[in-house]
Amino acid sequence: MPMPKIALVVAGALAAAPAAAMPSGCPGKVVGVELEAGHYTPPATLAPDISRKGGRYQSWSGLSKATPVEAVTLTCRVAGKPPQRIVLPRKVDRCVLDAGRMTCS
C-alpha cells in the first residue's frame, strides 16, 4: 500500500529538523572554549581576533571564509559537565565569548 502524502511531508520535515535545531553556541555558563579547524592531528586551534577583559571577552570572525573547505569545531567547557564538541554549520561566520556565554552566528 503506498504511503499517504501527508506522511511523506511529516517525514521530510523531521529529517530537516536537526539542521534547524543546530546549537548556535555553548549551552550554559562557559569556563573555556576552543575553536578548531581541519581534520589534522592535532587540529589547528583558531586564535581569537579580539581578546579583552583578561580573556572574558573573545571574538572570532570570518570563520566561514577562513576555512571554506574544512569544518570548524567548537569545544565548550561548561562547569560540572564533560566537554561538548559542536561542528558548526558552514554559514557560521562569527563566534563571541562574553561574560561566560558563547554565541555563534
N, C-alpha and C. Protein backbone atom coordinates (compact mmCIF):
# COMPACT_ATOMS: atom_id res chain seq x y z
N MET A 1 0.85 -1.18 0.00
CA MET A 1 0.00 0.00 0.00
C MET A 1 0.90 1.24 0.00
N PRO A 2 0.66 2.24 -0.90
CA PRO A 2 1.50 3.44 -0.94
C PRO A 2 1.35 4.29 0.32
N MET A 3 2.43 4.99 0.65
CA MET A 3 2.44 5.86 1.82
C MET A 3 1.63 7.12 1.51
N PRO A 4 0.75 7.55 2.42
CA PRO A 4 -0.02 8.78 2.18
C PRO A 4 0.91 9.99 2.05
N LYS A 5 0.51 10.97 1.26
CA LYS A 5 1.33 12.17 1.02
C LYS A 5 1.61 12.93 2.31
N ILE A 6 0.65 12.97 3.22
CA ILE A 6 0.85 13.70 4.48
C ILE A 6 2.00 13.10 5.28
N ALA A 7 2.14 11.76 5.26
CA ALA A 7 3.22 11.11 5.99
C ALA A 7 4.57 11.47 5.38
N LEU A 8 4.62 11.60 4.05
CA LEU A 8 5.86 11.99 3.39
C LEU A 8 6.27 13.40 3.78
N VAL A 9 5.33 14.29 3.89
CA VAL A 9 5.62 15.67 4.28
C VAL A 9 6.15 15.71 5.70
N VAL A 10 5.52 14.98 6.61
CA VAL A 10 5.96 14.93 8.01
C VAL A 10 7.35 14.33 8.10
N ALA A 11 7.60 13.23 7.37
CA ALA A 11 8.91 12.59 7.40
C ALA A 11 9.97 13.55 6.87
N GLY A 12 9.66 14.30 5.81
CA GLY A 12 10.61 15.27 5.28
C GLY A 12 10.89 16.39 6.26
N ALA A 13 9.87 16.84 6.96
CA ALA A 13 10.04 17.91 7.95
C ALA A 13 10.91 17.43 9.12
N LEU A 14 10.70 16.19 9.54
CA LEU A 14 11.50 15.65 10.64
C LEU A 14 12.95 15.47 10.22
N ALA A 15 13.18 15.09 8.99
CA ALA A 15 14.55 14.92 8.50
C ALA A 15 15.29 16.25 8.47
N ALA A 16 14.58 17.34 8.20
CA ALA A 16 15.20 18.67 8.14
C ALA A 16 15.34 19.31 9.51
N ALA A 17 14.65 18.83 10.51
CA ALA A 17 14.63 19.46 11.83
C ALA A 17 16.00 19.55 12.50
N PRO A 18 16.87 18.51 12.47
CA PRO A 18 18.15 18.64 13.17
C PRO A 18 18.99 19.80 12.68
N ALA A 19 18.99 20.09 11.40
CA ALA A 19 19.78 21.22 10.89
C ALA A 19 19.24 22.53 11.42
N ALA A 20 17.93 22.66 11.53
CA ALA A 20 17.34 23.90 12.02
C ALA A 20 17.56 24.05 13.52
N ALA A 21 17.69 22.94 14.23
CA ALA A 21 17.83 22.99 15.67
C ALA A 21 19.30 23.01 16.11
N MET A 22 20.21 23.19 15.17
CA MET A 22 21.64 23.19 15.48
C MET A 22 21.96 24.28 16.49
N PRO A 23 22.67 23.93 17.56
CA PRO A 23 23.01 24.94 18.55
C PRO A 23 23.86 26.04 17.94
N SER A 24 23.68 27.26 18.44
CA SER A 24 24.47 28.38 17.93
C SER A 24 25.41 28.89 19.01
N GLY A 25 26.01 27.99 19.73
CA GLY A 25 26.93 28.35 20.78
C GLY A 25 26.98 27.26 21.84
N CYS A 26 27.48 27.61 23.00
CA CYS A 26 27.60 26.64 24.09
C CYS A 26 26.41 26.75 25.03
N PRO A 27 25.91 25.61 25.50
CA PRO A 27 24.82 25.65 26.47
C PRO A 27 25.36 25.89 27.87
N GLY A 28 24.82 26.85 28.58
CA GLY A 28 25.21 27.10 29.96
C GLY A 28 26.37 28.07 30.12
N LYS A 29 26.82 28.20 31.36
CA LYS A 29 27.91 29.11 31.73
C LYS A 29 29.25 28.48 31.32
N VAL A 30 29.95 29.13 30.43
CA VAL A 30 31.17 28.60 29.84
C VAL A 30 32.38 28.97 30.69
N VAL A 31 33.25 27.99 30.93
CA VAL A 31 34.50 28.27 31.63
C VAL A 31 35.69 28.20 30.68
N GLY A 32 35.46 27.74 29.45
CA GLY A 32 36.52 27.69 28.45
C GLY A 32 35.99 27.21 27.12
N VAL A 33 36.61 27.67 26.04
CA VAL A 33 36.22 27.25 24.70
C VAL A 33 37.47 27.08 23.83
N GLU A 34 37.32 26.31 22.78
CA GLU A 34 38.34 26.18 21.75
C GLU A 34 37.63 26.10 20.42
N LEU A 35 38.15 26.77 19.42
CA LEU A 35 37.66 26.64 18.05
C LEU A 35 38.78 25.97 17.26
N GLU A 36 38.45 24.88 16.58
CA GLU A 36 39.44 24.13 15.82
C GLU A 36 38.97 23.99 14.39
N ALA A 37 39.92 23.96 13.47
CA ALA A 37 39.61 23.77 12.06
C ALA A 37 40.43 22.62 11.50
N GLY A 38 39.82 21.84 10.65
CA GLY A 38 40.53 20.77 9.96
C GLY A 38 40.44 19.43 10.63
N HIS A 39 41.01 18.48 9.93
CA HIS A 39 41.00 17.09 10.40
C HIS A 39 42.42 16.62 10.66
N TYR A 40 43.25 17.53 11.12
CA TYR A 40 44.64 17.21 11.40
C TYR A 40 44.74 16.62 12.79
N THR A 41 45.91 16.05 13.10
CA THR A 41 46.15 15.53 14.43
C THR A 41 47.38 16.22 14.98
N PRO A 42 47.26 17.15 15.89
CA PRO A 42 46.01 17.75 16.39
C PRO A 42 45.47 18.78 15.39
N PRO A 43 44.17 19.10 15.48
CA PRO A 43 43.60 20.12 14.60
C PRO A 43 44.16 21.49 14.91
N ALA A 44 44.07 22.39 13.93
CA ALA A 44 44.57 23.75 14.12
C ALA A 44 43.63 24.50 15.05
N THR A 45 44.16 25.07 16.12
CA THR A 45 43.36 25.87 17.04
C THR A 45 43.33 27.30 16.52
N LEU A 46 42.12 27.86 16.41
CA LEU A 46 41.96 29.22 15.90
C LEU A 46 42.06 30.21 17.05
N ALA A 47 42.95 31.17 16.93
CA ALA A 47 43.11 32.21 17.94
C ALA A 47 42.04 33.27 17.75
N PRO A 48 41.54 33.86 18.84
CA PRO A 48 40.53 34.91 18.69
C PRO A 48 41.12 36.16 18.03
N ASP A 49 40.28 36.86 17.26
CA ASP A 49 40.68 38.13 16.65
C ASP A 49 40.80 39.21 17.72
N ILE A 50 39.91 39.16 18.69
CA ILE A 50 39.86 40.15 19.77
C ILE A 50 39.80 39.41 21.10
N SER A 51 40.60 39.86 22.07
CA SER A 51 40.56 39.30 23.41
C SER A 51 40.72 40.45 24.40
N ARG A 52 39.71 40.64 25.24
CA ARG A 52 39.72 41.74 26.23
C ARG A 52 39.28 41.21 27.59
N LYS A 53 39.38 42.07 28.56
CA LYS A 53 38.93 41.77 29.93
C LYS A 53 39.57 40.49 30.46
N GLY A 54 40.85 40.34 30.22
CA GLY A 54 41.55 39.15 30.73
C GLY A 54 41.04 37.85 30.12
N GLY A 55 40.56 37.92 28.88
CA GLY A 55 40.07 36.72 28.21
C GLY A 55 38.60 36.45 28.42
N ARG A 56 37.93 37.28 29.23
CA ARG A 56 36.49 37.06 29.45
C ARG A 56 35.66 37.45 28.24
N TYR A 57 36.23 38.32 27.36
CA TYR A 57 35.58 38.66 26.09
C TYR A 57 36.53 38.25 24.97
N GLN A 58 36.05 37.35 24.10
CA GLN A 58 36.84 36.93 22.95
C GLN A 58 35.93 36.88 21.73
N SER A 59 36.48 37.20 20.57
CA SER A 59 35.70 37.22 19.34
C SER A 59 36.49 36.59 18.21
N TRP A 60 35.84 35.70 17.47
CA TRP A 60 36.40 35.09 16.27
C TRP A 60 35.51 35.50 15.11
N SER A 61 36.07 36.04 14.05
CA SER A 61 35.25 36.45 12.90
C SER A 61 35.86 35.91 11.61
N GLY A 62 35.04 35.93 10.56
CA GLY A 62 35.49 35.42 9.26
C GLY A 62 35.65 33.92 9.22
N LEU A 63 34.95 33.19 10.08
CA LEU A 63 35.13 31.74 10.16
C LEU A 63 34.73 31.05 8.86
N SER A 64 33.66 31.50 8.23
CA SER A 64 33.21 30.85 7.01
C SER A 64 34.17 31.08 5.85
N LYS A 65 34.89 32.18 5.87
CA LYS A 65 35.84 32.50 4.80
C LYS A 65 37.22 31.90 5.08
N ALA A 66 37.58 31.83 6.35
CA ALA A 66 38.91 31.35 6.71
C ALA A 66 39.07 29.86 6.46
N THR A 67 38.01 29.11 6.60
CA THR A 67 38.07 27.66 6.44
C THR A 67 36.94 27.20 5.53
N PRO A 68 36.99 27.54 4.24
CA PRO A 68 35.87 27.23 3.35
C PRO A 68 35.68 25.74 3.10
N VAL A 69 36.72 24.93 3.24
CA VAL A 69 36.62 23.51 2.93
C VAL A 69 36.42 22.67 4.19
N GLU A 70 37.06 23.08 5.27
CA GLU A 70 37.06 22.26 6.47
C GLU A 70 36.11 22.81 7.52
N ALA A 71 35.46 21.93 8.22
CA ALA A 71 34.51 22.34 9.25
C ALA A 71 35.25 22.94 10.44
N VAL A 72 34.56 23.86 11.12
CA VAL A 72 35.07 24.43 12.36
C VAL A 72 34.34 23.74 13.50
N THR A 73 35.10 23.25 14.47
CA THR A 73 34.53 22.57 15.63
C THR A 73 34.70 23.44 16.86
N LEU A 74 33.61 23.63 17.58
CA LEU A 74 33.60 24.40 18.82
C LEU A 74 33.59 23.41 19.97
N THR A 75 34.57 23.50 20.86
CA THR A 75 34.59 22.68 22.07
C THR A 75 34.25 23.58 23.24
N CYS A 76 33.16 23.25 23.92
CA CYS A 76 32.68 24.03 25.06
C CYS A 76 33.03 23.31 26.35
N ARG A 77 33.58 24.05 27.29
CA ARG A 77 33.81 23.52 28.63
C ARG A 77 32.88 24.28 29.57
N VAL A 78 31.89 23.57 30.07
CA VAL A 78 30.90 24.14 30.99
C VAL A 78 31.16 23.52 32.36
N ALA A 79 31.13 24.35 33.40
CA ALA A 79 31.42 23.88 34.76
C ALA A 79 30.56 22.68 35.13
N GLY A 80 31.20 21.63 35.64
CA GLY A 80 30.49 20.46 36.12
C GLY A 80 30.01 19.51 35.03
N LYS A 81 30.40 19.73 33.77
CA LYS A 81 29.97 18.86 32.68
C LYS A 81 31.18 18.48 31.83
N PRO A 82 31.10 17.34 31.14
CA PRO A 82 32.21 16.99 30.25
C PRO A 82 32.25 17.94 29.05
N PRO A 83 33.41 18.11 28.42
CA PRO A 83 33.50 18.98 27.24
C PRO A 83 32.52 18.52 26.16
N GLN A 84 31.92 19.47 25.49
CA GLN A 84 30.97 19.18 24.42
C GLN A 84 31.53 19.73 23.12
N ARG A 85 31.59 18.88 22.08
CA ARG A 85 32.11 19.30 20.77
C ARG A 85 30.94 19.50 19.82
N ILE A 86 30.92 20.66 19.16
CA ILE A 86 29.85 21.00 18.23
C ILE A 86 30.50 21.39 16.90
N VAL A 87 30.13 20.68 15.82
CA VAL A 87 30.59 21.06 14.49
C VAL A 87 29.67 22.17 14.01
N LEU A 88 30.24 23.34 13.77
CA LEU A 88 29.45 24.49 13.38
C LEU A 88 29.04 24.40 11.92
N PRO A 89 27.81 24.84 11.59
CA PRO A 89 27.41 24.89 10.19
C PRO A 89 28.33 25.83 9.42
N ARG A 90 28.54 25.57 8.15
CA ARG A 90 29.45 26.39 7.34
C ARG A 90 29.02 27.85 7.24
N LYS A 91 27.74 28.14 7.45
CA LYS A 91 27.26 29.53 7.35
C LYS A 91 27.66 30.37 8.56
N VAL A 92 28.11 29.74 9.65
CA VAL A 92 28.54 30.50 10.84
C VAL A 92 29.80 31.26 10.50
N ASP A 93 29.77 32.56 10.73
CA ASP A 93 30.90 33.41 10.39
C ASP A 93 31.57 34.03 11.61
N ARG A 94 30.85 34.07 12.75
CA ARG A 94 31.39 34.77 13.92
C ARG A 94 30.96 34.07 15.20
N CYS A 95 31.88 33.97 16.14
CA CYS A 95 31.58 33.46 17.48
C CYS A 95 32.13 34.46 18.50
N VAL A 96 31.37 34.67 19.58
CA VAL A 96 31.75 35.63 20.62
C VAL A 96 31.58 34.96 21.99
N LEU A 97 32.60 35.09 22.81
CA LEU A 97 32.53 34.67 24.21
C LEU A 97 32.49 35.95 25.03
N ASP A 98 31.42 36.14 25.78
CA ASP A 98 31.28 37.36 26.59
C ASP A 98 30.61 36.99 27.90
N ALA A 99 31.29 37.26 29.00
CA ALA A 99 30.75 37.04 30.34
C ALA A 99 30.26 35.60 30.51
N GLY A 100 31.02 34.63 30.01
CA GLY A 100 30.69 33.23 30.20
C GLY A 100 29.64 32.68 29.26
N ARG A 101 29.24 33.44 28.27
CA ARG A 101 28.23 32.98 27.30
C ARG A 101 28.86 32.97 25.91
N MET A 102 28.79 31.84 25.23
CA MET A 102 29.35 31.69 23.88
C MET A 102 28.22 31.63 22.88
N THR A 103 28.23 32.54 21.89
CA THR A 103 27.22 32.55 20.84
C THR A 103 27.91 32.60 19.49
N CYS A 104 27.30 31.96 18.52
CA CYS A 104 27.83 31.94 17.16
C CYS A 104 26.71 32.29 16.19
N SER A 105 27.06 33.03 15.17
CA SER A 105 26.05 33.41 14.17
C SER A 105 26.69 33.48 12.79
